[in-house]
Amino acid sequence: MEHFKNIEKRNGCDIGWHDRNLHPDDGKGRVGKSGLDKNLNLIEIIEIAYNMNNPRPNIIIKGGKNAKWYLKYCKIDKINEDIEKARWRDNSRVIMFIITWN
């Protein structure tokens, strides 16, 4: 947990769609086409995200049809704008974590 300065949790939020999902190059934790194993815990997901580069994901999403984890990147100053763009779909069961890395 020493890798980040801050983590913020927001309920009922998402950004982008499937085109924004990022995956580790080694495929660690990957399940299916666009998500990560739902059985991993948040700490494990943070470690996977921390070990990724170009870009390093700063958004972690838990949600979707199968409640998998998703990693995304968004510029910090654009997050609220991107959340508003995704309000057209039902995000009521989605949890978003916004990470500020060290």
Protein backbone atom coordinates (compact mmCIF):
# COMPACT_ATOMS: atom_id res chain seq x y z
CA MET A 1 0.00 0.00 0.00
CA GLU A 2 3.03 2.28 0.01
CA HIS A 3 2.71 2.88 -3.75
CA PHE A 4 0.03 5.55 -3.67
CA LYS A 5 -0.63 8.89 -1.97
CA ASN A 6 -4.40 8.76 -2.01
CA ILE A 7 -7.27 6.49 -2.94
CA GLU A 8 -10.83 7.73 -3.30
CA LYS A 9 -13.89 5.50 -3.50
CA ARG A 10 -16.97 6.55 -5.48
CA ASN A 11 -20.13 4.48 -5.72
CA GLY A 12 -22.24 4.39 -8.87
CA CYS A 13 -19.56 5.83 -11.16
CA ASP A 14 -17.74 4.62 -14.24
CA ILE A 15 -15.75 6.13 -17.08
CA GLY A 16 -15.50 5.11 -20.69
CA TRP A 17 -16.60 1.82 -22.09
CA HIS A 18 -14.73 -1.32 -23.17
CA ASP A 19 -12.31 0.72 -25.25
CA ARG A 20 -10.74 2.19 -22.07
CA ASN A 21 -9.87 -1.11 -20.35
CA LEU A 22 -6.17 -1.78 -19.72
CA HIS A 23 -4.49 -5.14 -19.08
CA PRO A 24 -1.10 -6.19 -17.76
CA ASP A 25 1.31 -7.35 -20.47
CA ASP A 26 1.86 -10.67 -18.68
CA GLY A 27 -1.90 -11.32 -18.50
CA LYS A 28 -1.82 -11.67 -14.70
CA GLY A 29 -5.36 -11.91 -13.32
CA ARG A 30 -7.00 -11.52 -16.71
CA VAL A 31 -10.32 -13.25 -17.27
CA GLY A 32 -12.05 -13.13 -20.61
CA LYS A 33 -11.71 -10.32 -23.09
CA SER A 34 -11.82 -7.22 -20.94
CA GLY A 35 -11.68 -7.82 -17.20
CA LEU A 36 -9.70 -9.16 -14.29
CA ASP A 37 -10.65 -12.02 -11.95
CA LYS A 38 -13.51 -11.05 -9.63
CA ASN A 39 -11.99 -13.21 -6.88
CA LEU A 40 -8.92 -10.97 -6.53
CA ASN A 41 -9.04 -8.44 -3.70
CA LEU A 42 -8.42 -4.70 -3.99
CA ILE A 43 -4.84 -4.97 -2.71
CA GLU A 44 -3.98 -7.51 -5.43
CA ILE A 45 -5.58 -5.30 -8.09
CA ILE A 46 -3.60 -2.27 -6.86
CA GLU A 47 -0.38 -4.31 -7.14
CA ILE A 48 -1.25 -5.34 -10.71
CA ALA A 49 -2.01 -1.71 -11.63
CA TYR A 50 1.17 -0.45 -9.99
CA ASN A 51 3.30 -2.85 -12.04
CA MET A 52 1.79 -1.62 -15.31
CA ASN A 53 3.17 1.27 -17.36
CA ASN A 54 2.29 3.36 -20.40
CA PRO A 55 -0.06 4.42 -18.94
CA ARG A 56 -0.27 3.24 -15.33
CA PRO A 57 -3.99 2.79 -14.53
CA ASN A 58 -5.31 5.28 -12.01
CA ILE A 59 -8.93 4.08 -12.10
CA ILE A 60 -10.03 0.72 -10.72
CA ILE A 61 -13.60 -0.37 -11.36
CA LYS A 62 -15.50 -3.23 -9.71
CA GLY A 63 -18.69 -3.93 -11.57
CA GLY A 64 -20.22 -5.17 -14.76
CA LYS A 65 -22.33 -8.16 -15.57
CA ASN A 66 -19.98 -10.59 -13.81
CA ALA A 67 -18.66 -8.13 -11.15
CA LYS A 68 -15.11 -8.32 -12.49
CA TRP A 69 -12.37 -5.76 -11.93
CA TYR A 70 -11.42 -3.30 -14.66
CA LEU A 71 -8.35 -1.05 -14.91
CA LYS A 72 -8.55 2.27 -16.73
CA TYR A 73 -6.59 5.47 -17.13
CA CYS A 74 -7.94 9.00 -17.13
CA LYS A 75 -6.27 12.36 -16.59
CA ILE A 76 -7.16 13.53 -13.07
CA ASP A 77 -8.63 16.82 -14.31
CA LYS A 78 -10.94 14.97 -16.76
CA ILE A 79 -12.38 12.34 -14.37
CA ASN A 80 -15.57 14.19 -13.44
CA GLU A 81 -16.21 15.04 -17.08
CA ASP A 82 -15.81 11.38 -18.11
CA ILE A 83 -18.08 10.24 -15.27
CA GLU A 84 -20.81 12.56 -16.56
CA LYS A 85 -20.42 11.13 -20.08
CA ALA A 86 -21.10 7.63 -18.70
CA ARG A 87 -24.29 8.57 -16.81
CA TRP A 88 -26.47 7.33 -19.69
CA ARG A 89 -26.09 3.73 -18.53
CA ASP A 90 -26.97 2.11 -15.21
CA ASN A 91 -23.87 2.33 -13.01
CA SER A 92 -25.73 1.84 -9.74
CA ARG A 93 -23.80 -1.35 -8.90
CA VAL A 94 -20.39 -0.06 -9.95
CA ILE A 95 -17.66 0.98 -7.51
CA MET A 96 -14.83 3.21 -8.70
CA PHE A 97 -11.50 3.73 -6.97
CA ILE A 98 -9.40 6.71 -8.06
CA ILE A 99 -5.71 6.35 -7.23
CA THR A 100 -3.09 9.06 -6.96
CA TRP A 101 0.27 7.30 -7.32
CA ASN A 102 3.50 8.35 -5.55
